[in-house]
Amino acid sequence: MSDEVKLDRALAEHEPVMAFYHSNNCQQCLIMIDVVNEVYPEFSTAVELVDINVYDPKNRSLLQRVGLQFIPTMIFYDREGQSETQVGVMEAEQLRQTLSALVEGD
């Protein structure tokens, strides 16, 4: 299943989603990958993670659709599909708080 289909399915099912746009070679992205790997497992049953490599050609239409300009970028969608965008590296505690709020519906 493509990342775009995975995202659309989660949104259609009113699931909280973290769409994580990154490459596997930018320094900021590598830091953020480590933060996501540290924090996300705590939320894996409550928040859908869509892990999007910006250099994968199959993600081109999704990147155009969201108008991605910088990496790493995380777009957090609540159950109503409302989104909040965070560009750059987040500290682990900041990501934890953002995901907690997403789960709680704040």
C-alpha atoms as a PDB file:
ATOM      1  CA  MET A   1       0.000   0.000   0.000  1.00  0.00           C
ATOM      2  CA  SER A   2       1.384   3.406  -0.930  1.00  0.00           C
ATOM      3  CA  ASP A   3       1.974   6.051   1.725  1.00  0.00           C
ATOM      4  CA  GLU A   4      -0.703   8.231   0.119  1.00  0.00           C
ATOM      5  CA  VAL A   5      -3.273   5.430   0.301  1.00  0.00           C
ATOM      6  CA  LYS A   6      -2.265   4.681   3.898  1.00  0.00           C
ATOM      7  CA  LEU A   7      -2.737   8.357   4.836  1.00  0.00           C
ATOM      8  CA  ASP A   8      -6.065   8.660   3.034  1.00  0.00           C
ATOM      9  CA  ARG A   9      -7.372   5.442   4.613  1.00  0.00           C
ATOM     10  CA  ALA A  10      -6.431   6.564   8.147  1.00  0.00           C
ATOM     11  CA  LEU A  11      -8.065   9.961   7.603  1.00  0.00           C
ATOM     12  CA  ALA A  12     -11.213   8.344   6.177  1.00  0.00           C
ATOM     13  CA  GLU A  13     -11.395   6.119   9.264  1.00  0.00           C
ATOM     14  CA  HIS A  14     -11.001   9.179  11.543  1.00  0.00           C
ATOM     15  CA  GLU A  15      -7.764   7.917  13.075  1.00  0.00           C
ATOM     16  CA  PRO A  16      -5.174  10.304  14.519  1.00  0.00           C
ATOM     17  CA  VAL A  17      -2.225  10.364  12.116  1.00  0.00           C
ATOM     18  CA  MET A  18       1.393  11.465  12.179  1.00  0.00           C
ATOM     19  CA  ALA A  19       2.678  11.928   8.637  1.00  0.00           C
ATOM     20  CA  PHE A  20       6.474  12.056   8.836  1.00  0.00           C
ATOM     21  CA  TYR A  21       8.179  13.480   5.733  1.00  0.00           C
ATOM     22  CA  HIS A  22      11.940  12.985   5.597  1.00  0.00           C
ATOM     23  CA  SER A  23      14.909  11.665   3.654  1.00  0.00           C
ATOM     24  CA  ASN A  24      17.373   9.095   4.877  1.00  0.00           C
ATOM     25  CA  ASN A  25      20.406  11.321   4.442  1.00  0.00           C
ATOM     26  CA  CYS A  26      19.769  14.835   5.783  1.00  0.00           C
ATOM     27  CA  GLN A  27      21.261  15.378   9.244  1.00  0.00           C
ATOM     28  CA  GLN A  28      18.106  16.931  10.709  1.00  0.00           C
ATOM     29  CA  CYS A  29      16.062  14.033   9.294  1.00  0.00           C
ATOM     30  CA  LEU A  30      18.366  11.437  10.861  1.00  0.00           C
ATOM     31  CA  ILE A  31      17.983  13.133  14.239  1.00  0.00           C
ATOM     32  CA  MET A  32      14.199  13.194  13.848  1.00  0.00           C
ATOM     33  CA  ILE A  33      14.116   9.534  12.776  1.00  0.00           C
ATOM     34  CA  ASP A  34      15.829   8.681  16.084  1.00  0.00           C
ATOM     35  CA  VAL A  35      13.314  10.798  18.027  1.00  0.00           C
ATOM     36  CA  VAL A  36      10.370   9.133  16.252  1.00  0.00           C
ATOM     37  CA  ASN A  37      11.865   5.687  16.887  1.00  0.00           C
ATOM     38  CA  GLU A  38      12.232   6.561  20.574  1.00  0.00           C
ATOM     39  CA  VAL A  39       8.778   8.082  21.156  1.00  0.00           C
ATOM     40  CA  TYR A  40       6.339   6.619  18.606  1.00  0.00           C
ATOM     41  CA  PRO A  41       6.216   3.057  20.009  1.00  0.00           C
ATOM     42  CA  GLU A  42       4.368   4.457  23.054  1.00  0.00           C
ATOM     43  CA  PHE A  43       1.590   5.628  20.690  1.00  0.00           C
ATOM     44  CA  SER A  44       1.645   2.909  18.025  1.00  0.00           C
ATOM     45  CA  THR A  45      -1.766   1.520  18.999  1.00  0.00           C
ATOM     46  CA  ALA A  46      -3.446   4.949  19.055  1.00  0.00           C
ATOM     47  CA  VAL A  47      -1.813   6.975  16.250  1.00  0.00           C
ATOM     48  CA  GLU A  48      -1.188   5.864  12.676  1.00  0.00           C
ATOM     49  CA  LEU A  49       2.348   6.637  11.511  1.00  0.00           C
ATOM     50  CA  VAL A  50       2.787   7.308   7.811  1.00  0.00           C
ATOM     51  CA  ASP A  51       6.550   7.290   7.223  1.00  0.00           C
ATOM     52  CA  ILE A  52       7.226   9.131   3.945  1.00  0.00           C
ATOM     53  CA  ASN A  53      10.622   9.179   2.257  1.00  0.00           C
ATOM     54  CA  VAL A  54      10.581  12.313   0.104  1.00  0.00           C
ATOM     55  CA  TYR A  55      12.980  10.797  -2.436  1.00  0.00           C
ATOM     56  CA  ASP A  56      10.779   7.787  -3.186  1.00  0.00           C
ATOM     57  CA  PRO A  57       9.206   8.505  -6.607  1.00  0.00           C
ATOM     58  CA  LYS A  58       5.927   6.844  -5.583  1.00  0.00           C
ATOM     59  CA  ASN A  59       5.390   9.686  -3.080  1.00  0.00           C
ATOM     60  CA  ARG A  60       5.589  12.480  -5.668  1.00  0.00           C
ATOM     61  CA  SER A  61       1.836  13.151  -5.858  1.00  0.00           C
ATOM     62  CA  LEU A  62       1.506  13.151  -2.059  1.00  0.00           C
ATOM     63  CA  LEU A  63       4.363  15.660  -1.738  1.00  0.00           C
ATOM     64  CA  GLN A  64       2.714  17.915  -4.306  1.00  0.00           C
ATOM     65  CA  ARG A  65      -0.652  17.556  -2.606  1.00  0.00           C
ATOM     66  CA  VAL A  66       0.647  18.742   0.779  1.00  0.00           C
ATOM     67  CA  GLY A  67       2.968  21.344  -0.749  1.00  0.00           C
ATOM     68  CA  LEU A  68       5.994  20.068   1.141  1.00  0.00           C
ATOM     69  CA  GLN A  69       8.856  22.587   1.196  1.00  0.00           C
ATOM     70  CA  PHE A  70      11.236  21.502   3.960  1.00  0.00           C
ATOM     71  CA  ILE A  71      12.335  18.312   5.683  1.00  0.00           C
ATOM     72  CA  PRO A  72      11.909  16.947   8.187  1.00  0.00           C
ATOM     73  CA  THR A  73       8.233  17.859   8.397  1.00  0.00           C
ATOM     74  CA  MET A  74       5.601  16.211  10.556  1.00  0.00           C
ATOM     75  CA  ILE A  75       1.920  16.792   9.894  1.00  0.00           C
ATOM     76  CA  PHE A  76      -0.337  15.713  12.742  1.00  0.00           C
ATOM     77  CA  TYR A  77      -3.994  15.030  11.875  1.00  0.00           C
ATOM     78  CA  ASP A  78      -6.678  14.744  14.539  1.00  0.00           C
ATOM     79  CA  ARG A  79      -9.764  12.517  14.254  1.00  0.00           C
ATOM     80  CA  GLU A  80     -11.597  15.272  12.332  1.00  0.00           C
ATOM     81  CA  GLY A  81      -8.771  15.577   9.810  1.00  0.00           C
ATOM     82  CA  GLN A  82      -7.613  18.956  11.108  1.00  0.00           C
ATOM     83  CA  SER A  83      -3.862  19.240  10.784  1.00  0.00           C
ATOM     84  CA  GLU A  84      -0.960  20.895  12.549  1.00  0.00           C
ATOM     85  CA  THR A  85       2.444  21.081  10.880  1.00  0.00           C
ATOM     86  CA  GLN A  86       5.835  20.999  12.568  1.00  0.00           C
ATOM     87  CA  VAL A  87       8.961  21.655  10.519  1.00  0.00           C
ATOM     88  CA  GLY A  88      12.393  20.694  11.783  1.00  0.00           C
ATOM     89  CA  VAL A  89      13.590  18.617  14.682  1.00  0.00           C
ATOM     90  CA  MET A  90      11.327  18.145  17.681  1.00  0.00           C
ATOM     91  CA  GLU A  91      12.635  17.199  21.097  1.00  0.00           C
ATOM     92  CA  ALA A  92      11.396  13.810  22.305  1.00  0.00           C
ATOM     93  CA  GLU A  93       9.259  15.372  25.046  1.00  0.00           C
ATOM     94  CA  GLN A  94       7.687  17.820  22.575  1.00  0.00           C
ATOM     95  CA  LEU A  95       6.768  14.941  20.237  1.00  0.00           C
ATOM     96  CA  ARG A  96       5.406  12.952  23.192  1.00  0.00           C
ATOM     97  CA  GLN A  97       3.198  15.905  24.235  1.00  0.00           C
ATOM     98  CA  THR A  98       1.984  16.469  20.663  1.00  0.00           C
ATOM     99  CA  LEU A  99       1.048  12.794  20.237  1.00  0.00           C
ATOM    100  CA  SER A 100      -0.639  12.711  23.668  1.00  0.00           C
ATOM    101  CA  ALA A 101      -2.762  15.714  22.730  1.00  0.00           C
ATOM    102  CA  LEU A 102      -3.630  14.045  19.422  1.00  0.00           C
ATOM    103  CA  VAL A 103      -4.807  10.892  21.191  1.00  0.00           C
ATOM    104  CA  GLU A 104      -6.764  12.839  23.799  1.00  0.00           C
ATOM    105  CA  GLY A 105      -8.407  14.952  21.115  1.00  0.00           C
ATOM    106  CA  ASP A 106      -7.140  18.308  22.374  1.00  0.00           C
END
